[in-house]
């Protein structure tokens, strides 16, 4: 439960960090942003016509979940790296961009998936965004916001070794990119938090900053430079991954959603 003022309910356009922030700031539509790499991998999968089932845990439960839905379970980046020569579908967007013959995929993510389900459980319509599809997501949401719907954008962040939230600048940029598009649509009241996210995005230089930030350097030094380069490709995708039930599909394939207005704030 958010303290007074922290739910940003005086604004239709909102932003807050991580799983706790997702619970504290309800809205009619919610956008989860996990640039390196849940939502980037999600966008690549949706582009390739793959239905994506997000899942919180990477354990036996995930394998059972995949079996139940007739889906392929994506392995972790480092697991795939440790088994050279074997053919895997992994959480690496670079590897996923080359996969063939997969129609359904389970993606495990303690950050992106957990936030997506928490947002859905709050009653929000959940969308996945990254730098690749930020403009497409903003275009899809803009008329809904102008019509009176509230929107919260949730940068996922990463985790420190003690499991506390590490705000990740790449997710702030991704959130800012979506928010910039929405703010241009004419929202009458933009919070300071939203303005600061937009300013951070406008100050970023791609792909240099993504390759040089802490999360990007971690992946580059581990041999996943291609993943970072794919994530840095701004607005190359038109997909809008929409969580319907237990899976993400392209909103364009689903037709217009039903009414979502719960009037959370003005």
C-alpha atoms as a PDB file:
ATOM      1  CA  UNK A   1       0.000   0.000   0.000  1.00  0.00           C
ATOM      2  CA  UNK A   2       1.456   3.359  -1.045  1.00  0.00           C
ATOM      3  CA  UNK A   3       1.752   6.292   1.322  1.00  0.00           C
ATOM      4  CA  UNK A   4      -0.395   9.326   0.452  1.00  0.00           C
ATOM      5  CA  UNK A   5       0.938  10.957  -2.700  1.00  0.00           C
ATOM      6  CA  UNK A   6       3.081   8.015  -3.721  1.00  0.00           C
ATOM      7  CA  UNK A   7       0.369   6.461  -5.889  1.00  0.00           C
ATOM      8  CA  UNK A   8       0.651   9.471  -8.261  1.00  0.00           C
ATOM      9  CA  UNK A   9      -3.140   9.401  -8.566  1.00  0.00           C
ATOM     10  CA  UNK A  10      -3.294  13.116  -9.374  1.00  0.00           C
ATOM     11  CA  UNK A  11      -1.670  12.320 -12.728  1.00  0.00           C
ATOM     12  CA  UNK A  12      -2.948  10.101 -15.531  1.00  0.00           C
ATOM     13  CA  UNK A  13       0.628   9.391 -16.638  1.00  0.00           C
ATOM     14  CA  UNK A  14       2.792   7.736 -13.953  1.00  0.00           C
ATOM     15  CA  UNK A  15       6.142   5.995 -13.454  1.00  0.00           C
ATOM     16  CA  UNK A  16       7.516   3.901 -10.590  1.00  0.00           C
ATOM     17  CA  UNK A  17      10.272   1.316 -10.084  1.00  0.00           C
ATOM     18  CA  UNK A  18      10.208  -2.427  -9.696  1.00  0.00           C
ATOM     19  CA  UNK A  19       7.761  -4.948  -8.228  1.00  0.00           C
ATOM     20  CA  UNK A  20       6.947  -2.849  -5.148  1.00  0.00           C
ATOM     21  CA  UNK A  21       6.389   0.238  -7.255  1.00  0.00           C
ATOM     22  CA  UNK A  22       4.123  -1.724  -9.567  1.00  0.00           C
ATOM     23  CA  UNK A  23       1.911  -2.566  -6.601  1.00  0.00           C
ATOM     24  CA  UNK A  24       2.010   0.963  -5.187  1.00  0.00           C
ATOM     25  CA  UNK A  25       0.963   2.817  -8.342  1.00  0.00           C
ATOM     26  CA  UNK A  26      -2.201   1.309  -9.881  1.00  0.00           C
ATOM     27  CA  UNK A  27      -3.470   2.363 -13.298  1.00  0.00           C
ATOM     28  CA  UNK A  28      -5.759   1.225 -16.103  1.00  0.00           C
ATOM     29  CA  UNK A  29      -2.823   0.353 -18.385  1.00  0.00           C
ATOM     30  CA  UNK A  30       0.628  -0.681 -17.212  1.00  0.00           C
ATOM     31  CA  UNK A  31       3.876  -0.919 -19.177  1.00  0.00           C
ATOM     32  CA  UNK A  32       6.722  -3.095 -17.898  1.00  0.00           C
ATOM     33  CA  UNK A  33      10.219  -2.178 -19.144  1.00  0.00           C
ATOM     34  CA  UNK A  34      13.165  -4.575 -18.729  1.00  0.00           C
ATOM     35  CA  UNK A  35      15.582  -3.609 -21.510  1.00  0.00           C
ATOM     36  CA  UNK A  36      18.382  -6.094 -20.680  1.00  0.00           C
ATOM     37  CA  UNK A  37      16.648  -8.253 -21.478  1.00  0.00           C
ATOM     38  CA  UNK A  38      13.154  -9.597 -20.684  1.00  0.00           C
ATOM     39  CA  UNK A  39      11.105  -7.129 -22.699  1.00  0.00           C
ATOM     40  CA  UNK A  40      13.686  -6.940 -25.494  1.00  0.00           C
ATOM     41  CA  UNK A  41      13.594 -10.732 -25.828  1.00  0.00           C
ATOM     42  CA  UNK A  42       9.798 -10.551 -25.610  1.00  0.00           C
ATOM     43  CA  UNK A  43       9.649  -8.060 -28.487  1.00  0.00           C
ATOM     44  CA  UNK A  44      11.921 -10.213 -30.665  1.00  0.00           C
ATOM     45  CA  UNK A  45       9.772 -13.277 -29.963  1.00  0.00           C
ATOM     46  CA  UNK A  46       6.520 -11.479 -30.764  1.00  0.00           C
ATOM     47  CA  UNK A  47       8.061 -10.147 -33.990  1.00  0.00           C
ATOM     48  CA  UNK A  48       8.707 -13.751 -34.979  1.00  0.00           C
ATOM     49  CA  UNK A  49       5.096 -14.744 -34.282  1.00  0.00           C
ATOM     50  CA  UNK A  50       5.884 -16.588 -31.046  1.00  0.00           C
ATOM     51  CA  UNK A  51       3.357 -16.559 -28.210  1.00  0.00           C
ATOM     52  CA  UNK A  52       5.239 -15.881 -24.974  1.00  0.00           C
ATOM     53  CA  UNK A  53       4.322 -17.252 -21.550  1.00  0.00           C
ATOM     54  CA  UNK A  54       6.192 -15.296 -18.865  1.00  0.00           C
ATOM     55  CA  UNK A  55       7.061 -17.167 -15.697  1.00  0.00           C
ATOM     56  CA  UNK A  56       8.570 -16.016 -12.421  1.00  0.00           C
ATOM     57  CA  UNK A  57      10.842 -18.930 -11.528  1.00  0.00           C
ATOM     58  CA  UNK A  58      13.514 -20.879 -13.355  1.00  0.00           C
ATOM     59  CA  UNK A  59      13.019 -24.310 -11.779  1.00  0.00           C
ATOM     60  CA  UNK A  60      10.973 -27.499 -12.143  1.00  0.00           C
ATOM     61  CA  UNK A  61       7.791 -25.451 -11.994  1.00  0.00           C
ATOM     62  CA  UNK A  62       8.820 -23.615 -15.170  1.00  0.00           C
ATOM     63  CA  UNK A  63       9.322 -26.907 -17.010  1.00  0.00           C
ATOM     64  CA  UNK A  64       5.890 -28.075 -15.880  1.00  0.00           C
ATOM     65  CA  UNK A  65       4.387 -24.766 -16.979  1.00  0.00           C
ATOM     66  CA  UNK A  66       5.945 -25.169 -20.436  1.00  0.00           C
ATOM     67  CA  UNK A  67       4.683 -28.733 -20.728  1.00  0.00           C
ATOM     68  CA  UNK A  68       1.175 -27.680 -19.731  1.00  0.00           C
ATOM     69  CA  UNK A  69       1.044 -25.075 -22.478  1.00  0.00           C
ATOM     70  CA  UNK A  70       2.848 -27.087 -25.141  1.00  0.00           C
ATOM     71  CA  UNK A  71       5.628 -24.507 -25.101  1.00  0.00           C
ATOM     72  CA  UNK A  72       9.410 -24.508 -25.312  1.00  0.00           C
ATOM     73  CA  UNK A  73      11.197 -23.471 -22.121  1.00  0.00           C
ATOM     74  CA  UNK A  74      13.934 -20.920 -22.795  1.00  0.00           C
ATOM     75  CA  UNK A  75      17.175 -21.625 -20.958  1.00  0.00           C
ATOM     76  CA  UNK A  76      19.313 -18.944 -19.349  1.00  0.00           C
ATOM     77  CA  UNK A  77      22.043 -17.197 -21.307  1.00  0.00           C
ATOM     78  CA  UNK A  78      24.851 -18.726 -19.295  1.00  0.00           C
ATOM     79  CA  UNK A  79      23.298 -22.188 -19.344  1.00  0.00           C
ATOM     80  CA  UNK A  80      23.253 -22.067 -23.140  1.00  0.00           C
ATOM     81  CA  UNK A  81      26.829 -20.759 -23.159  1.00  0.00           C
ATOM     82  CA  UNK A  82      27.997 -23.639 -20.964  1.00  0.00           C
ATOM     83  CA  UNK A  83      26.659 -26.238 -23.398  1.00  0.00           C
ATOM     84  CA  UNK A  84      28.303 -25.375 -26.738  1.00  0.00           C
ATOM     85  CA  UNK A  85      27.148 -27.268 -29.780  1.00  0.00           C
ATOM     86  CA  UNK A  86      23.692 -27.983 -28.346  1.00  0.00           C
ATOM     87  CA  UNK A  87      20.708 -26.219 -29.882  1.00  0.00           C
ATOM     88  CA  UNK A  88      18.878 -24.118 -27.325  1.00  0.00           C
ATOM     89  CA  UNK A  89      16.250 -21.428 -27.227  1.00  0.00           C
ATOM     90  CA  UNK A  90      17.623 -19.018 -24.645  1.00  0.00           C
ATOM     91  CA  UNK A  91      16.784 -15.709 -22.988  1.00  0.00           C
ATOM     92  CA  UNK A  92      19.323 -14.073 -25.283  1.00  0.00           C
ATOM     93  CA  UNK A  93      17.496 -11.907 -27.841  1.00  0.00           C
ATOM     94  CA  UNK A  94      20.324 -12.525 -30.307  1.00  0.00           C
ATOM     95  CA  UNK A  95      19.849 -16.288 -30.138  1.00  0.00           C
ATOM     96  CA  UNK A  96      16.077 -15.970 -30.280  1.00  0.00           C
ATOM     97  CA  UNK A  97      16.283 -13.868 -33.443  1.00  0.00           C
ATOM     98  CA  UNK A  98      17.614 -16.968 -35.233  1.00  0.00           C
ATOM     99  CA  UNK A  99      15.296 -19.631 -33.838  1.00  0.00           C
ATOM    100  CA  UNK A 100      12.923 -21.503 -36.160  1.00  0.00           C
ATOM    101  CA  UNK A 101       9.924 -23.736 -35.552  1.00  0.00           C
ATOM    102  CA  UNK A 102       8.936 -22.367 -32.126  1.00  0.00           C
ATOM    103  CA  UNK A 103       5.329 -21.241 -31.721  1.00  0.00           C
ATOM    104  CA  UNK A 104       5.078 -20.987 -27.934  1.00  0.00           C
ATOM    105  CA  UNK A 105       7.820 -20.016 -25.517  1.00  0.00           C
ATOM    106  CA  UNK A 106       8.122 -19.793 -21.728  1.00  0.00           C
ATOM    107  CA  UNK A 107      10.413 -16.930 -20.646  1.00  0.00           C
ATOM    108  CA  UNK A 108      11.456 -16.936 -17.005  1.00  0.00           C
ATOM    109  CA  UNK A 109      12.336 -13.634 -15.390  1.00  0.00           C
ATOM    110  CA  UNK A 110      12.322 -12.770 -11.688  1.00  0.00           C
ATOM    111  CA  UNK A 111      11.997  -9.096 -12.607  1.00  0.00           C
ATOM    112  CA  UNK A 112       9.974  -8.635 -15.785  1.00  0.00           C
ATOM    113  CA  UNK A 113       7.648 -11.613 -15.352  1.00  0.00           C
ATOM    114  CA  UNK A 114       7.011 -10.943 -11.673  1.00  0.00           C
ATOM    115  CA  UNK A 115       6.121  -7.323 -12.386  1.00  0.00           C
ATOM    116  CA  UNK A 116       3.888  -8.259 -15.326  1.00  0.00           C
ATOM    117  CA  UNK A 117       1.830 -10.665 -13.211  1.00  0.00           C
ATOM    118  CA  UNK A 118       1.623  -8.239 -10.283  1.00  0.00           C
ATOM    119  CA  UNK A 119       0.313  -5.557 -12.616  1.00  0.00           C
ATOM    120  CA  UNK A 120      -2.188  -7.929 -14.207  1.00  0.00           C
ATOM    121  CA  UNK A 121      -3.436  -9.008 -10.780  1.00  0.00           C
ATOM    122  CA  UNK A 122      -4.115  -5.343  -9.969  1.00  0.00           C
ATOM    123  CA  UNK A 123      -6.568  -5.244 -12.861  1.00  0.00           C
ATOM    124  CA  UNK A 124      -4.369  -3.346 -15.314  1.00  0.00           C
ATOM    125  CA  UNK A 125      -3.963  -4.201 -18.971  1.00  0.00           C
ATOM    126  CA  UNK A 126      -0.246  -5.064 -19.219  1.00  0.00           C
ATOM    127  CA  UNK A 127       2.069  -4.235 -22.116  1.00  0.00           C
ATOM    128  CA  UNK A 128       5.784  -5.011 -22.581  1.00  0.00           C
ATOM    129  CA  UNK A 129       8.067  -2.253 -23.873  1.00  0.00           C
ATOM    130  CA  UNK A 130      11.745  -1.773 -24.618  1.00  0.00           C
ATOM    131  CA  UNK A 131      13.810   0.603 -26.717  1.00  0.00           C
ATOM    132  CA  UNK A 132      12.959  -1.369 -29.856  1.00  0.00           C
ATOM    133  CA  UNK A 133       9.191  -0.786 -29.639  1.00  0.00           C
ATOM    134  CA  UNK A 134       8.783   2.224 -27.336  1.00  0.00           C
ATOM    135  CA  UNK A 135       7.234   4.419 -30.030  1.00  0.00           C
ATOM    136  CA  UNK A 136       4.806   1.667 -31.101  1.00  0.00           C
ATOM    137  CA  UNK A 137       3.675   1.139 -27.506  1.00  0.00           C
ATOM    138  CA  UNK A 138       3.202   4.892 -27.017  1.00  0.00           C
ATOM    139  CA  UNK A 139       1.139   5.146 -30.196  1.00  0.00           C
ATOM    140  CA  UNK A 140      -1.074   2.268 -29.076  1.00  0.00           C
ATOM    141  CA  UNK A 141      -1.616   3.747 -25.615  1.00  0.00           C
ATOM    142  CA  UNK A 142      -1.948   7.432 -26.546  1.00  0.00           C
ATOM    143  CA  UNK A 143      -5.599   7.439 -27.646  1.00  0.00           C
ATOM    144  CA  UNK A 144      -6.558   5.470 -24.538  1.00  0.00           C
ATOM    145  CA  UNK A 145      -4.810   7.976 -22.292  1.00  0.00           C
ATOM    146  CA  UNK A 146      -6.340  10.941 -24.135  1.00  0.00           C
ATOM    147  CA  UNK A 147      -9.753   9.321 -23.664  1.00  0.00           C
ATOM    148  CA  UNK A 148      -9.199   9.325 -19.892  1.00  0.00           C
ATOM    149  CA  UNK A 149      -7.316   6.115 -19.042  1.00  0.00           C
ATOM    150  CA  UNK A 150      -4.421   6.210 -16.592  1.00  0.00           C
ATOM    151  CA  UNK A 151      -1.046   4.713 -17.549  1.00  0.00           C
ATOM    152  CA  UNK A 152       1.840   3.632 -15.320  1.00  0.00           C
ATOM    153  CA  UNK A 153       5.237   2.775 -16.798  1.00  0.00           C
ATOM    154  CA  UNK A 154       7.320   0.473 -14.583  1.00  0.00           C
ATOM    155  CA  UNK A 155      11.086   0.233 -15.175  1.00  0.00           C
ATOM    156  CA  UNK A 156      11.933  -3.201 -13.789  1.00  0.00           C
ATOM    157  CA  UNK A 157      15.465  -2.584 -12.557  1.00  0.00           C
ATOM    158  CA  UNK A 158      17.844  -5.357 -11.558  1.00  0.00           C
ATOM    159  CA  UNK A 159      18.763  -7.051  -8.281  1.00  0.00           C
ATOM    160  CA  UNK A 160      21.777  -6.630  -6.018  1.00  0.00           C
ATOM    161  CA  UNK A 161      23.281  -9.700  -4.384  1.00  0.00           C
ATOM    162  CA  UNK A 162      21.111  -9.134  -1.291  1.00  0.00           C
ATOM    163  CA  UNK A 163      18.000  -9.168  -3.540  1.00  0.00           C
ATOM    164  CA  UNK A 164      17.288  -5.458  -3.092  1.00  0.00           C
ATOM    165  CA  UNK A 165      16.307  -3.387  -6.117  1.00  0.00           C
ATOM    166  CA  UNK A 166      19.087  -1.946  -8.253  1.00  0.00           C
ATOM    167  CA  UNK A 167      17.590   0.851 -10.382  1.00  0.00           C
ATOM    168  CA  UNK A 168      19.015   0.217 -13.854  1.00  0.00           C
ATOM    169  CA  UNK A 169      19.555   3.229 -16.065  1.00  0.00           C
ATOM    170  CA  UNK A 170      18.673   1.311 -19.246  1.00  0.00           C
ATOM    171  CA  UNK A 171      15.193   0.661 -17.887  1.00  0.00           C
ATOM    172  CA  UNK A 172      14.836   4.337 -16.999  1.00  0.00           C
ATOM    173  CA  UNK A 173      15.712   5.171 -20.615  1.00  0.00           C
ATOM    174  CA  UNK A 174      13.172   2.679 -21.922  1.00  0.00           C
ATOM    175  CA  UNK A 175      10.493   4.055 -19.607  1.00  0.00           C
ATOM    176  CA  UNK A 176      11.391   7.600 -20.635  1.00  0.00           C
ATOM    177  CA  UNK A 177      11.123   6.706 -24.310  1.00  0.00           C
ATOM    178  CA  UNK A 178       7.547   5.430 -23.842  1.00  0.00           C
ATOM    179  CA  UNK A 179       6.618   8.356 -21.600  1.00  0.00           C
ATOM    180  CA  UNK A 180       8.002  10.892 -24.071  1.00  0.00           C
ATOM    181  CA  UNK A 181       5.717   9.553 -26.768  1.00  0.00           C
ATOM    182  CA  UNK A 182       2.730   9.640 -24.424  1.00  0.00           C
ATOM    183  CA  UNK A 183       3.498  13.141 -23.149  1.00  0.00           C
ATOM    184  CA  UNK A 184       3.561  14.403 -26.731  1.00  0.00           C
ATOM    185  CA  UNK A 185       0.012  13.083 -27.123  1.00  0.00           C
ATOM    186  CA  UNK A 186      -1.179  15.847 -24.847  1.00  0.00           C
ATOM    187  CA  UNK A 187      -1.539  14.591 -21.289  1.00  0.00           C
ATOM    188  CA  UNK A 188      -2.570  17.689 -19.307  1.00  0.00           C
ATOM    189  CA  UNK A 189      -0.680  16.817 -16.113  1.00  0.00           C
ATOM    190  CA  UNK A 190       2.771  15.233 -16.102  1.00  0.00           C
ATOM    191  CA  UNK A 191       4.387  14.374 -12.777  1.00  0.00           C
ATOM    192  CA  UNK A 192       7.966  15.391 -11.880  1.00  0.00           C
ATOM    193  CA  UNK A 193       8.862  11.683 -11.888  1.00  0.00           C
ATOM    194  CA  UNK A 194       7.647  11.373 -15.480  1.00  0.00           C
ATOM    195  CA  UNK A 195       9.498  14.526 -16.538  1.00  0.00           C
ATOM    196  CA  UNK A 196      12.734  13.230 -15.033  1.00  0.00           C
ATOM    197  CA  UNK A 197      12.396   9.872 -16.811  1.00  0.00           C
ATOM    198  CA  UNK A 198      11.846  11.692 -20.111  1.00  0.00           C
ATOM    199  CA  UNK A 199      14.865  13.915 -19.445  1.00  0.00           C
ATOM    200  CA  UNK A 200      17.035  10.855 -18.764  1.00  0.00           C
ATOM    201  CA  UNK A 201      15.934   9.319 -22.048  1.00  0.00           C
ATOM    202  CA  UNK A 202      16.605  12.506 -23.985  1.00  0.00           C
ATOM    203  CA  UNK A 203      20.123  12.649 -22.536  1.00  0.00           C
ATOM    204  CA  UNK A 204      20.995   9.094 -23.627  1.00  0.00           C
ATOM    205  CA  UNK A 205      23.146   8.335 -26.664  1.00  0.00           C
ATOM    206  CA  UNK A 206      22.559   4.965 -28.307  1.00  0.00           C
ATOM    207  CA  UNK A 207      24.145   2.504 -28.685  1.00  0.00           C
ATOM    208  CA  UNK A 208      27.158   3.933 -26.837  1.00  0.00           C
ATOM    209  CA  UNK A 209      25.494   4.498 -23.489  1.00  0.00           C
ATOM    210  CA  UNK A 210      23.772   1.129 -23.450  1.00  0.00           C
ATOM    211  CA  UNK A 211      27.052  -0.633 -24.189  1.00  0.00           C
ATOM    212  CA  UNK A 212      28.816   1.432 -21.525  1.00  0.00           C
ATOM    213  CA  UNK A 213      26.314   1.375 -18.646  1.00  0.00           C
ATOM    214  CA  UNK A 214      26.735  -1.132 -15.796  1.00  0.00           C
ATOM    215  CA  UNK A 215      24.264  -3.710 -17.121  1.00  0.00           C
ATOM    216  CA  UNK A 216      25.553  -3.374 -20.671  1.00  0.00           C
ATOM    217  CA  UNK A 217      29.182  -3.794 -19.633  1.00  0.00           C
ATOM    218  CA  UNK A 218      28.276  -6.886 -17.633  1.00  0.00           C
ATOM    219  CA  UNK A 219      26.779  -8.527 -20.717  1.00  0.00           C
ATOM    220  CA  UNK A 220      29.521  -7.341 -23.065  1.00  0.00           C
ATOM    221  CA  UNK A 221      32.236  -8.733 -20.800  1.00  0.00           C
ATOM    222  CA  UNK A 222      30.348 -12.042 -20.604  1.00  0.00           C
ATOM    223  CA  UNK A 223      30.303 -12.322 -24.405  1.00  0.00           C
ATOM    224  CA  UNK A 224      26.775 -11.062 -25.095  1.00  0.00           C
ATOM    225  CA  UNK A 225      27.557  -7.849 -26.956  1.00  0.00           C
ATOM    226  CA  UNK A 226      25.045  -8.814 -29.669  1.00  0.00           C
ATOM    227  CA  UNK A 227      22.248  -8.821 -27.087  1.00  0.00           C
ATOM    228  CA  UNK A 228      23.091  -5.264 -26.066  1.00  0.00           C
ATOM    229  CA  UNK A 229      23.307  -4.118 -29.676  1.00  0.00           C
ATOM    230  CA  UNK A 230      19.887  -5.609 -30.440  1.00  0.00           C
ATOM    231  CA  UNK A 231      18.430  -3.937 -27.346  1.00  0.00           C
ATOM    232  CA  UNK A 232      19.844  -0.572 -28.439  1.00  0.00           C
ATOM    233  CA  UNK A 233      18.043  -0.520 -31.793  1.00  0.00           C
ATOM    234  CA  UNK A 234      15.559   2.251 -31.188  1.00  0.00           C
ATOM    235  CA  UNK A 235      12.028   1.981 -32.628  1.00  0.00           C
ATOM    236  CA  UNK A 236      12.743  -0.780 -35.137  1.00  0.00           C
ATOM    237  CA  UNK A 237       9.720  -2.821 -34.040  1.00  0.00           C
ATOM    238  CA  UNK A 238       5.990  -2.209 -34.414  1.00  0.00           C
ATOM    239  CA  UNK A 239       4.839  -4.996 -32.087  1.00  0.00           C
ATOM    240  CA  UNK A 240       2.898  -4.234 -28.908  1.00  0.00           C
ATOM    241  CA  UNK A 241       3.180  -7.298 -26.627  1.00  0.00           C
ATOM    242  CA  UNK A 242      -0.084  -7.498 -24.680  1.00  0.00           C
ATOM    243  CA  UNK A 243      -0.571  -9.867 -21.736  1.00  0.00           C
ATOM    244  CA  UNK A 244      -3.838 -11.754 -22.188  1.00  0.00           C
ATOM    245  CA  UNK A 245      -4.403 -14.451 -19.598  1.00  0.00           C
ATOM    246  CA  UNK A 246      -1.051 -16.190 -19.170  1.00  0.00           C
ATOM    247  CA  UNK A 247       0.647 -15.154 -22.398  1.00  0.00           C
ATOM    248  CA  UNK A 248       1.870 -12.163 -24.375  1.00  0.00           C
ATOM    249  CA  UNK A 249       0.687 -11.733 -27.946  1.00  0.00           C
ATOM    250  CA  UNK A 250       0.805  -8.836 -30.391  1.00  0.00           C
ATOM    251  CA  UNK A 251      -2.043  -6.408 -29.693  1.00  0.00           C
ATOM    252  CA  UNK A 252      -2.499  -6.010 -33.456  1.00  0.00           C
ATOM    253  CA  UNK A 253      -3.555  -9.653 -33.675  1.00  0.00           C
ATOM    254  CA  UNK A 254      -6.089  -9.376 -30.872  1.00  0.00           C
ATOM    255  CA  UNK A 255      -8.331  -6.539 -32.012  1.00  0.00           C
ATOM    256  CA  UNK A 256      -9.391  -3.646 -29.795  1.00  0.00           C
ATOM    257  CA  UNK A 257      -9.434  -4.436 -26.060  1.00  0.00           C
ATOM    258  CA  UNK A 258     -12.559  -4.108 -23.989  1.00  0.00           C
ATOM    259  CA  UNK A 259     -13.126  -1.158 -21.644  1.00  0.00           C
ATOM    260  CA  UNK A 260     -10.384  -0.904 -19.018  1.00  0.00           C
ATOM    261  CA  UNK A 261     -11.323   2.343 -17.282  1.00  0.00           C
ATOM    262  CA  UNK A 262     -11.331   1.906 -13.512  1.00  0.00           C
ATOM    263  CA  UNK A 263     -10.848   5.633 -12.916  1.00  0.00           C
ATOM    264  CA  UNK A 264      -7.795   5.354 -10.726  1.00  0.00           C
ATOM    265  CA  UNK A 265      -7.282   9.064 -10.176  1.00  0.00           C
ATOM    266  CA  UNK A 266      -8.451  11.821 -12.524  1.00  0.00           C
END
